[in-house]
Amino acid sequence: MIEMNNIEMTKTQKLLAALSYFSILFAPLLFPFCIWIFADKPISKYGKNSLINHITITIYDHTLIHI
């Protein structure tokens, strides 16, 4: 979990951070990757973490399907 000490986030930044995690429903790899590459520093960390999360879930899901 990321600790964001003393950083104020705007509503837009909070929305982008939340959408990067909820994007597993509509664009699981593309949207977090774009957030990670193009967003400013505090939001890009959320994009990177959600991308890693989505990749992990995808690998885990495909592994369970083939067992």
Protein backbone atom coordinates (compact mmCIF):
# COMPACT_ATOMS: atom_id res chain seq x y z
CA MET A 1 0.00 0.00 0.00
CA ILE A 2 1.26 3.47 -0.84
CA GLU A 3 1.56 6.01 1.90
CA MET A 4 1.00 9.50 0.55
CA ASN A 5 2.04 11.64 3.49
CA ASN A 6 1.18 15.33 3.34
CA ILE A 7 0.00 15.27 -0.27
CA GLU A 8 -3.28 16.96 -1.09
CA MET A 9 -5.06 15.42 -4.05
CA THR A 10 -7.64 17.21 -6.14
CA LYS A 11 -10.96 15.59 -7.06
CA THR A 12 -9.65 14.91 -10.57
CA GLN A 13 -6.57 13.18 -9.21
CA LYS A 14 -8.68 11.10 -6.84
CA LEU A 15 -10.97 10.14 -9.72
CA LEU A 16 -8.04 9.07 -11.92
CA ALA A 17 -6.55 7.05 -9.06
CA ALA A 18 -9.87 5.30 -8.45
CA LEU A 19 -10.50 4.67 -12.16
CA SER A 20 -7.08 3.08 -12.55
CA TYR A 21 -8.21 0.35 -10.13
CA PHE A 22 -11.80 0.10 -11.43
CA SER A 23 -10.49 -0.16 -14.98
CA ILE A 24 -10.21 -3.92 -14.50
CA LEU A 25 -13.82 -3.93 -15.69
CA PHE A 26 -13.30 -2.00 -18.95
CA ALA A 27 -9.59 -1.60 -19.86
CA PRO A 28 -7.49 -3.65 -17.46
CA LEU A 29 -4.06 -3.00 -18.96
CA LEU A 30 -4.41 0.04 -21.18
CA PHE A 31 -5.89 2.57 -18.77
CA PRO A 32 -3.49 2.01 -15.81
CA PHE A 33 -0.55 2.00 -18.23
CA CYS A 34 -1.63 5.38 -19.65
CA ILE A 35 -2.11 6.79 -16.15
CA TRP A 36 1.33 5.51 -15.13
CA ILE A 37 3.07 7.03 -18.17
CA PHE A 38 1.21 10.31 -18.65
CA ALA A 39 -0.01 11.38 -15.19
CA ASP A 40 1.86 13.47 -12.63
CA LYS A 41 3.88 11.90 -9.82
CA PRO A 42 1.32 11.08 -7.10
CA ILE A 43 -1.21 9.64 -9.55
CA SER A 44 1.35 7.72 -11.60
CA LYS A 45 2.13 5.59 -8.54
CA TYR A 46 -1.51 4.51 -8.40
CA GLY A 47 -1.43 3.70 -12.10
CA LYS A 48 1.70 1.60 -11.70
CA ASN A 49 0.32 -0.26 -8.69
CA SER A 50 -3.02 -0.95 -10.35
CA LEU A 51 -1.24 -2.17 -13.51
CA ILE A 52 0.81 -4.62 -11.44
CA ASN A 53 -2.37 -5.65 -9.63
CA HIS A 54 -4.26 -6.24 -12.89
CA ILE A 55 -1.38 -8.25 -14.39
CA THR A 56 -1.16 -10.39 -11.25
CA ILE A 57 -4.90 -11.05 -11.26
CA THR A 58 -4.82 -11.91 -14.97
CA ILE A 59 -1.95 -14.38 -14.55
CA TYR A 60 -3.58 -15.92 -11.50
CA ASP A 61 -6.93 -16.19 -13.28
CA HIS A 62 -5.44 -17.85 -16.37
CA THR A 63 -3.46 -20.23 -14.20
CA LEU A 64 -6.58 -21.38 -12.36
CA ILE A 65 -8.54 -21.82 -15.59
CA HIS A 66 -5.93 -24.21 -17.02
CA ILE A 67 -5.61 -26.37 -13.90
